[in-house]
Protein backbone atom coordinates (compact mmCIF):
# COMPACT_ATOMS: atom_id res chain seq x y z
CA MET A 1 -21.75 4.44 -15.33
CA VAL A 2 -18.11 4.95 -16.24
CA THR A 3 -17.46 4.58 -19.95
CA LYS A 4 -14.23 3.85 -21.75
CA CYS A 5 -12.60 7.04 -22.98
CA ALA A 6 -10.55 5.39 -25.70
CA PRO A 7 -12.76 2.63 -27.18
CA ASP A 8 -10.28 1.74 -29.93
CA GLU A 9 -7.40 1.07 -27.56
CA THR A 10 -6.52 -2.57 -27.07
CA TRP A 11 -6.03 -3.82 -23.53
CA ILE A 12 -3.54 -6.60 -22.80
CA SER A 13 -4.27 -8.81 -19.81
CA GLN A 14 -1.86 -9.56 -16.98
CA ALA A 15 -1.85 -13.22 -18.04
CA ASP A 16 -0.79 -12.31 -21.58
CA TYR A 17 2.13 -10.20 -20.34
CA ALA A 18 3.22 -12.99 -18.01
CA LYS A 19 2.97 -15.60 -20.77
CA LYS A 20 5.22 -13.54 -23.05
CA LEU A 21 7.82 -12.46 -20.48
CA ARG A 22 8.21 -15.51 -18.27
CA PRO A 23 10.29 -17.55 -20.79
CA LEU A 24 12.72 -14.60 -20.91
CA LEU A 25 13.41 -14.75 -17.16
CA PRO A 26 15.57 -17.21 -15.20
CA ALA A 27 13.78 -20.01 -13.36
CA GLU A 28 15.26 -18.94 -10.01
CA ALA A 29 13.31 -15.69 -10.22
CA PHE A 30 10.18 -17.67 -9.38
CA LEU A 31 11.60 -19.73 -6.52
CA PRO A 32 10.54 -18.88 -2.92
CA ASP A 33 12.92 -16.52 -1.11
CA PRO A 34 13.21 -17.61 2.56
CA GLY A 35 15.41 -14.60 3.25
CA LYS A 36 12.35 -12.34 3.33
CA LYS A 37 11.19 -13.86 6.62
CA TRP A 38 14.54 -13.03 8.23
CA ILE A 39 14.22 -9.45 7.03
CA LEU A 40 10.78 -9.38 8.66
CA LEU A 41 12.04 -10.84 11.95
CA ILE A 42 15.06 -8.50 12.06
CA ASN A 43 12.78 -5.48 11.79
CA ILE A 44 10.50 -6.81 14.52
CA ALA A 45 13.65 -7.05 16.65
CA ILE A 46 14.51 -3.42 15.79
CA LEU A 47 11.10 -2.32 17.05
CA MET A 48 11.49 -4.32 20.24
CA LEU A 49 14.93 -2.78 20.81
CA GLY A 50 13.47 0.68 20.26
CA TRP A 51 10.70 0.05 22.78
CA GLY A 52 13.26 -1.29 25.24
CA ILE A 53 15.29 1.92 25.01
CA ALA A 54 12.13 4.06 25.10
CA SER A 55 11.13 2.44 28.39
CA HIS A 56 14.08 4.25 30.02
CA LEU A 57 13.38 7.71 28.57
CA ASP A 58 11.98 8.87 31.91
CA GLN A 59 15.54 8.60 33.21
CA TRP A 60 16.91 10.95 30.53
CA SER A 61 17.23 14.69 30.99
CA TRP A 62 14.71 16.44 28.76
CA TYR A 63 17.43 18.14 26.70
CA PHE A 64 18.83 14.73 25.66
CA LEU A 65 15.50 13.37 24.36
CA TRP A 66 16.32 14.51 20.81
CA ILE A 67 18.98 11.79 20.70
CA TYR A 68 16.15 9.23 20.46
CA LEU A 69 14.75 10.81 17.26
CA PRO A 70 17.05 8.92 14.85
CA LEU A 71 15.85 5.68 16.43
CA SER A 72 12.24 6.82 15.90
CA PHE A 73 13.00 7.18 12.19
CA ILE A 74 14.74 3.78 12.08
CA MET A 75 11.71 2.21 13.76
CA GLY A 76 9.41 3.98 11.29
CA ASN A 77 11.44 2.55 8.43
CA SER A 78 11.11 -0.89 10.04
CA ILE A 79 7.32 -0.53 9.94
CA ILE A 80 7.56 0.17 6.19
CA ILE A 81 9.78 -2.89 5.74
CA LEU A 82 7.40 -5.04 7.80
CA LEU A 83 4.57 -4.16 5.42
CA PHE A 84 6.58 -4.82 2.28
CA SER A 85 8.33 -7.98 3.51
CA THR A 86 5.03 -9.44 4.75
CA HIS A 87 3.46 -8.45 1.44
CA ASP A 88 6.16 -10.43 -0.39
CA LEU A 89 5.92 -13.42 1.94
CA MET A 90 2.17 -13.69 1.58
CA HIS A 91 2.43 -13.64 -2.21
CA SER A 92 5.02 -16.42 -2.19
CA SER A 93 5.33 -19.92 -0.75
CA ALA A 94 8.55 -19.25 1.17
CA ILE A 95 6.94 -20.45 4.41
CA LYS A 96 5.39 -23.87 3.85
CA SER A 97 3.71 -24.38 7.23
CA PRO A 98 0.26 -22.70 7.31
CA PHE A 99 0.60 -22.09 11.07
CA TRP A 100 4.00 -20.36 10.87
CA ARG A 101 2.98 -18.51 7.72
CA GLN A 102 -0.08 -17.09 9.47
CA LEU A 103 1.80 -16.31 12.70
CA ILE A 104 4.69 -14.52 11.00
CA SER A 105 2.25 -12.62 8.77
CA LEU A 106 0.29 -11.59 11.86
CA LEU A 107 3.44 -10.25 13.52
CA GLY A 108 4.48 -8.49 10.33
CA LEU A 109 1.14 -6.71 9.89
CA THR A 110 0.35 -5.89 13.52
CA MET A 111 1.83 -2.39 13.39
CA LEU A 112 -0.30 -1.81 10.28
CA TRP A 113 -3.53 -2.99 12.02
CA THR A 114 -4.14 -5.37 9.11
CA PRO A 115 -5.18 -8.96 9.95
CA PRO A 116 -3.54 -11.33 7.46
CA THR A 117 -6.82 -13.06 6.58
CA PHE A 118 -8.26 -9.64 5.77
CA TRP A 119 -5.15 -8.78 3.72
CA LYS A 120 -5.64 -11.89 1.61
CA ALA A 121 -9.19 -10.77 0.83
CA VAL A 122 -8.67 -7.08 0.20
CA HIS A 123 -5.24 -7.24 -1.46
CA HIS A 124 -4.79 -10.65 -3.07
CA ARG A 125 -8.38 -11.31 -4.13
CA GLU A 126 -10.03 -7.93 -4.62
CA HIS A 127 -7.12 -5.65 -5.59
CA HIS A 128 -4.99 -7.99 -7.69
CA GLY A 129 -8.04 -9.57 -9.29
CA ASN A 130 -9.64 -6.24 -10.22
CA THR A 131 -6.77 -3.76 -10.40
CA ASN A 132 -7.95 -0.17 -10.88
CA SER A 133 -11.32 -1.24 -12.21
CA LEU A 134 -14.80 -0.48 -10.92
CA SER A 135 -14.42 -3.46 -8.56
CA ASP A 136 -11.06 -2.47 -7.02
CA PRO A 137 -11.30 -1.25 -3.38
CA ASP A 138 -7.92 0.49 -3.76
CA ARG A 139 -8.84 2.84 -6.61
CA ASN A 140 -9.91 6.48 -6.44
CA TYR A 141 -13.55 7.19 -5.67
CA LEU A 142 -15.79 8.00 -8.62
CA CYS A 143 -17.20 11.51 -8.71
CA GLU A 144 -20.67 10.00 -9.09
CA GLN A 145 -20.39 7.87 -5.94
CA PRO A 146 -22.50 9.11 -2.99
CA ASP A 147 -20.85 11.72 -0.78
CA ASN A 148 -19.86 10.15 2.54
CA TRP A 149 -17.11 10.35 5.15
CA GLY A 150 -14.81 7.95 3.26
CA LYS A 151 -15.02 9.97 0.06
CA TRP A 152 -14.67 13.24 1.98
CA ILE A 153 -11.49 12.05 3.72
CA GLN A 154 -9.93 11.29 0.32
CA ASN A 155 -10.71 14.87 -0.65
CA VAL A 156 -9.05 16.24 2.50
CA PHE A 157 -6.05 13.91 2.90
CA VAL A 158 -4.93 12.56 -0.49
CA PRO A 159 -2.43 14.48 -2.70
CA SER A 160 -4.31 16.42 -5.37
CA ALA A 161 -4.61 19.87 -6.93
CA ASN A 162 -7.25 20.68 -4.31
CA VAL A 163 -5.73 19.36 -1.07
CA HIS A 164 -4.71 21.79 1.67
CA PRO A 165 -1.08 21.37 2.80
CA ILE A 166 -2.15 20.79 6.42
CA GLY A 167 -4.63 18.13 5.37
CA LEU A 168 -1.95 16.47 3.25
CA ILE A 169 0.53 16.42 6.15
CA ILE A 170 -2.06 14.90 8.48
CA GLY A 171 -3.09 12.48 5.78
CA MET A 172 0.42 11.19 5.16
CA SER A 173 0.60 9.86 8.71
CA SER A 174 -2.99 8.60 8.96
CA ALA A 175 -4.28 7.65 5.49
CA TRP A 176 -3.13 4.05 5.84
CA GLY A 177 -5.15 3.75 9.05
CA VAL A 178 -8.20 5.32 7.40
CA HIS A 179 -7.94 2.97 4.40
CA THR A 180 -7.69 -0.07 6.66
CA PHE A 181 -10.50 1.04 8.99
CA ARG A 182 -12.77 1.80 6.06
CA ASN A 183 -12.53 -1.69 4.56
CA LEU A 184 -12.05 -3.63 7.80
CA SER A 185 -15.09 -2.11 9.50
CA SER A 186 -17.21 -2.76 6.41
CA VAL A 187 -16.35 -6.47 6.53
CA LEU A 188 -16.56 -6.94 10.31
CA LEU A 189 -19.66 -4.82 11.04
CA PHE A 190 -21.76 -5.41 7.91
CA ASN A 191 -20.27 -7.88 5.41
CA HIS A 192 -23.17 -7.57 3.00
CA GLY A 193 -21.37 -5.82 0.14
CA LEU A 194 -23.67 -2.80 0.30
CA THR A 195 -21.78 -0.31 2.49
CA GLU A 196 -21.20 2.95 0.65
CA TYR A 197 -18.30 4.56 2.54
CA PRO A 198 -15.57 2.23 1.14
CA VAL A 199 -14.52 2.78 -2.46
CA VAL A 200 -15.89 -0.70 -3.19
CA SER A 201 -17.67 -2.89 -0.67
CA PHE A 202 -16.91 -6.61 -0.69
CA THR A 203 -17.69 -9.63 1.48
CA VAL A 204 -15.76 -12.47 3.10
CA SER A 205 -16.90 -15.91 4.17
CA PRO A 206 -18.21 -16.43 7.73
CA ARG A 207 -15.09 -18.46 8.53
CA ASP A 208 -12.76 -15.71 7.30
CA ARG A 209 -14.79 -13.10 9.14
CA ARG A 210 -14.27 -14.95 12.42
CA ALA A 211 -10.55 -15.33 11.68
CA ILE A 212 -10.24 -11.61 10.92
CA ALA A 213 -11.98 -10.71 14.19
CA LEU A 214 -9.72 -13.04 16.18
CA GLU A 215 -6.55 -11.74 14.50
CA LEU A 216 -7.65 -8.17 15.17
CA LEU A 217 -8.14 -8.96 18.86
CA VAL A 218 -4.60 -10.38 19.01
CA MET A 219 -3.30 -7.20 17.36
CA ILE A 220 -5.17 -5.02 19.86
CA GLY A 221 -3.61 -7.06 22.66
CA LEU A 222 -0.11 -6.63 21.20
CA HIS A 223 -0.53 -2.87 20.82
CA LEU A 224 -1.89 -2.54 24.37
CA SER A 225 1.06 -4.59 25.61
CA VAL A 226 3.52 -2.15 24.03
CA ILE A 227 1.63 0.83 25.44
CA ALA A 228 1.56 -0.75 28.90
CA TYR A 229 5.25 -1.65 28.66
CA LEU A 230 5.98 2.03 28.01
CA GLY A 231 4.09 2.83 31.20
CA PHE A 232 1.45 5.02 29.50
CA ASP A 233 4.12 7.74 29.68
CA PRO A 234 3.39 10.55 27.15
CA ILE A 235 7.03 11.10 26.14
CA LYS A 236 7.77 7.39 25.79
CA LEU A 237 4.61 6.88 23.76
CA LEU A 238 5.24 9.90 21.54
CA LEU A 239 8.84 9.04 20.66
CA GLY A 240 8.74 5.25 20.88
CA TYR A 241 5.23 4.39 19.64
CA PHE A 242 3.30 7.14 17.84
CA LEU A 243 6.18 8.84 16.00
CA PRO A 244 7.51 5.58 14.46
CA ILE A 245 3.96 4.67 13.40
CA TRP A 246 3.41 8.09 11.81
CA ILE A 247 6.74 7.90 9.98
CA GLY A 248 6.10 4.32 8.86
CA TYR A 249 2.61 5.06 7.61
CA ALA A 250 3.82 8.17 5.74
CA GLY A 251 6.59 6.23 4.00
CA ALA A 252 4.30 3.35 3.06
CA ILE A 253 1.47 5.56 1.83
CA PHE A 254 3.86 7.55 -0.36
CA TYR A 255 4.53 4.40 -2.37
CA ILE A 256 0.88 3.31 -2.27
CA TYR A 257 -0.38 6.66 -3.55
CA THR A 258 1.85 6.28 -6.62
CA ASN A 259 0.87 2.68 -7.40
CA HIS A 260 -2.38 3.36 -9.24
CA MET A 261 -3.98 6.70 -8.30
CA LEU A 262 -2.54 8.56 -11.31
CA CYS A 263 -3.45 5.77 -13.70
CA ARG A 264 -6.41 5.20 -15.94
CA MET A 265 -9.09 2.73 -15.00
CA THR A 266 -9.31 -0.36 -17.21
CA ASP A 267 -12.04 -2.90 -17.90
CA VAL A 268 -9.36 -5.55 -18.45
CA ASN A 269 -6.59 -5.98 -15.86
CA ASP A 270 -3.81 -4.38 -17.94
CA PRO A 271 -0.93 -3.66 -15.49
CA LEU A 272 0.98 -1.46 -17.93
CA ILE A 273 -1.98 0.91 -18.14
CA ASN A 274 -3.52 0.71 -14.66
CA SER A 275 -0.27 0.60 -12.64
CA LEU A 276 2.80 2.81 -12.27
CA SER A 277 6.42 2.11 -11.37
CA ILE A 278 8.59 4.88 -9.96
CA ARG A 279 12.31 5.57 -9.89
CA VAL A 280 13.70 6.13 -6.41
CA PRO A 281 17.29 6.32 -5.13
CA ARG A 282 18.87 2.88 -5.03
CA ILE A 283 19.10 2.88 -1.22
CA PHE A 284 15.30 2.90 -0.98
CA ASP A 285 14.96 -0.03 -3.36
CA VAL A 286 17.41 -1.97 -1.21
CA LEU A 287 15.64 -1.05 2.03
CA HIS A 288 12.10 -1.47 0.71
CA LEU A 289 12.46 -4.67 -1.31
CA ASN A 290 12.00 -3.04 -4.74
CA PHE A 291 8.46 -1.95 -3.95
CA SER A 292 8.90 0.91 -6.42
CA TYR A 293 8.73 -1.71 -9.20
CA HIS A 294 4.98 -1.95 -8.87
CA THR A 295 3.91 -2.68 -12.44
CA GLU A 296 6.41 -5.52 -12.44
CA HIS A 297 4.84 -6.87 -9.26
CA HIS A 298 1.36 -6.84 -10.81
CA ILE A 299 2.58 -8.90 -13.75
CA PHE A 300 4.35 -11.44 -11.51
CA PRO A 301 2.83 -11.16 -7.98
CA GLY A 302 4.61 -14.22 -6.60
CA MET A 303 7.99 -13.46 -8.09
CA ASN A 304 11.12 -12.85 -5.99
CA SER A 305 11.23 -9.04 -5.84
CA ASP A 306 15.03 -9.10 -6.33
CA TYR A 307 14.34 -9.82 -10.01
CA TYR A 308 11.92 -6.95 -10.67
CA PRO A 309 14.68 -4.80 -12.27
CA MET A 310 15.11 -7.55 -14.84
CA VAL A 311 11.37 -7.46 -15.59
CA GLN A 312 11.54 -3.69 -15.95
CA GLU A 313 14.24 -3.95 -18.61
CA LEU A 314 12.06 -6.39 -20.53
CA LEU A 315 9.09 -4.02 -20.32
CA LYS A 316 11.22 -1.15 -21.64
CA THR A 317 12.26 -3.36 -24.55
CA HIS A 318 8.93 -4.97 -25.46
CA TYR A 319 6.37 -2.35 -24.36
CA PRO A 320 8.11 1.06 -24.35
CA ASP A 321 4.97 2.96 -25.37
CA ARG A 322 2.71 1.36 -22.75
CA PHE A 323 4.91 1.15 -19.65
CA ASN A 324 4.27 3.82 -16.97
CA LEU A 325 7.65 4.65 -15.39
CA LEU A 326 8.32 8.02 -13.77
CA ASP A 327 10.70 9.57 -11.27
CA ALA A 328 9.16 9.70 -7.79
CA GLN A 329 9.42 13.51 -7.74
CA LYS A 330 7.66 13.80 -11.11
CA THR A 331 4.92 11.45 -9.93
CA TRP A 332 4.34 13.52 -6.79
CA GLN A 333 4.18 16.73 -8.84
CA LEU A 334 1.57 15.22 -11.14
CA MET A 335 -0.51 14.09 -8.17
CA LEU A 336 -0.48 17.63 -6.79
CA GLN A 337 -1.51 19.02 -10.19
CA THR A 338 -4.54 16.80 -10.79
CA PRO A 339 -7.84 16.26 -8.97
CA ARG A 340 -8.41 12.88 -7.36
CA TYR A 341 -11.82 11.54 -8.41
CA TYR A 342 -12.63 9.62 -11.58
CA LYS A 343 -15.11 11.30 -13.91
CA ASP A 344 -14.56 8.48 -16.39
CA GLU A 345 -11.84 5.96 -17.06
CA ASN A 346 -9.47 8.54 -18.50
CA THR A 347 -10.51 11.76 -16.75
CA PHE A 348 -10.02 13.10 -13.23
CA THR A 349 -12.33 15.61 -11.58
CA ASP A 350 -12.73 17.35 -8.22
CA TRP A 351 -15.28 17.01 -5.40
CA SER A 352 -17.77 19.30 -7.15
CA GLY A 353 -17.24 17.75 -10.57
CA THR A 354 -16.45 21.13 -12.17
CA GLN A 355 -12.71 20.71 -12.79
CA THR A 356 -11.76 18.02 -15.31
CA VAL A 357 -8.24 16.92 -16.25
CA PRO A 358 -7.24 14.09 -18.63
CA CYS A 359 -5.11 11.41 -17.04
CA PRO A 360 -1.53 12.72 -17.46
CA LEU A 361 -0.17 9.22 -18.02
CA SER A 362 -2.09 9.08 -21.32
CA THR A 363 0.36 11.54 -22.84
CA ASP A 364 3.22 12.13 -20.36
CA GLN A 365 5.55 9.20 -19.87
CA SER A 366 8.86 11.02 -19.46
């Protein structure tokens, strides 16, 4: 059993932060932002344009194929934006119609292989309700959890003091898929809350399970349609399908790794302790809808993300000694200097349990 490392420390709940800070923010910060759905649809259009151009790559001379590479990167960035814009839309009420909300969410998450009904369960209910606690499916594995393929993959793919560079490179482009498969297969194949290969096993209702299966079948059909449209041609598929997916997954997982994996576990959902915000160049905040402001998001999940910088300034003013805010480069360095399993709430350890390192965010907040 994990025990609290600092028993005298006082946790503050997400609700208490929100109660204190909300009166200090403008009312429009909490209004739905319909513009997010247009961002989502524009990036779907970018992908479709990219596939349209890729369908003609067999007519290009081989020495001109490199010209398509910038478009592969743009498409990869669109996959990142699709995840983050859908994430924002599903937290808000910007789309009133349940049918259109579900359809647009399905389109936004298709490239991520994440059925929206499943996303509501794993992200909204399980992650936000139990952030970085023993019940959070998005936390690090515990050292004491049984060794299995899910735990082993974290050891091989996730940034840590023990990861091999080749494993890390492979993991950047595939860890999102592994994370989704791990939780999705547990729900669809078993759904009894006892599977050991996810970090935390959870269940969904029979109705949601059927909806998840149906949405996944639609996603499979959409992916197969793209592959067929590209004529099963290896070059078209590499440049127009696989490379954008790898780039998109790598960009998304970079943010996701930093969200909580360096943080302490908490019994109470205290976002300033169990979450981390990072500083990135302004262009990335503009492109990626302020996803770097992750602590702010956990305090106000349904808030218009345009106002997260305002929340950050309030956190610096009212909670300067609690707020985890680091440069992205510093965060990455710390991840590569620490092992990636929890020995207890405030201590990281390695696969064998022999190397122990205190959580760096307990003392290093620069």
